[in-house]
């Protein structure tokens, strides 16, 4: 939610600090960098010291850095605090996935637990869009954008108390040494990927963005060679390579890459179309998004109760329904502002389709992963999810902004983006065909 709630508030933050476009984009980019880069490391720290312990400390750090963001006195301070907020989230989130995997039996119990986790993920994106617009519109304090960070204080305190009292500690493995070399190699490689993907477009894709991407390719090659050498030593490899022998995991995370790429690019481009193309205010736009959220909640609730009955076909049906929403927008979203009912109906259809896919996608990806690989798999899954978000916004969002910069109208640029989203859904549909219902 923290990524999306900030997106809606960026113009207000920029105006308050009189900041440049580049600095305001860093408010989002550094959070994503800190988050995505340390997810796998965070998951392995949880394996070593205990998932509950790392989760609670991550919650405390996230709450503290949120308060610091809300009290930032300059744009530079806000950027710095946002980075550490992302790092704290990276140590917190993987523990949640691992604890679900370990504490719920394979089958309906685990399917339902992952389903509810998927509901929370999807609702966080929609709720973030709404709350960002609402806090700015309400104007309860002189700088209302600060509330988007300070709201995490009461939520964080309650979450820490509940986690400390209700969760059981998982097994720890203090005897195995943490792979520090692997941490350094992977961290540097991911920075070299995420930074140019999030900032390259803002600077017109300068030469250093391509150098960093080439450096990332070389770094990842060295990293995987290092993992092979680590096998059989006393050091715990940062990623267990046995994980990539599981076909459903490989295919599942590839589907995750395409899904979150289109999902986040869609939320970004349609928000810009509404606010800048159709001159709809942020608060009104956030209200329109609630239709999507309610549809998603209903569809998700139904899907987690019927996942065992319909299996992969349910996810593929969700892809078809989302494609219908995109095709409807191609027909209805023209140069003039469409009727509010048309916007709401298109968003409802998208929410219904998304609710059939997202809650079960995590379970489909991790269902054949043994308990011994739970920590490693949750870190890889979460990293792919965040990397795909950055890549989707960079590639699909970049295409949208590139067309605008070359004189295209907002609705035309958005229409081309919709065709790209449909193509992504086609790839996801075909990937799901490779995952059979039941055990591989």
Foldseek 3Di string as FASTA:
>chain_A
DLLQLLVLCLVLVCVVQVDDPLLSLLLNLLLLLLQLLCQLVLLVVCQAPWLLVLQLVLLVQLLVLLLQLLVDPHSVSNSVSSNSNSNSVSNRPLSQQLLLVPVFDFDLRSLLVLLVVLLCVVLCNLVSLQVSQVQVVVCPDVSSNSCSSNVSNVVSVVVSVCSVPPDDIDDHRNQAAEPVVLSVLSSQLSCLQSVCLSNCLVVVNDPSNVVSPVVSVVSVVVSVVVQVVCPPPSHDRSADPVLVVALLQVLLLVLLLLVLLLVLQLVVLVQCCVCPQAVHGSNVVSVLSVLLSVLLNVLSVVQSVCCLPQPLVLLLVLLVQLLVLLVLCLVQVDSYHGDSVSSSVSSSSNSNSVSSHRSNSVCSNCSPPDSVNSSNSSSVSVSSNSSSNSNSCSVLVSQLVVCVVVPDRSSVSVNVSSVVSNVSSVVSSVSSVVRDPDGD
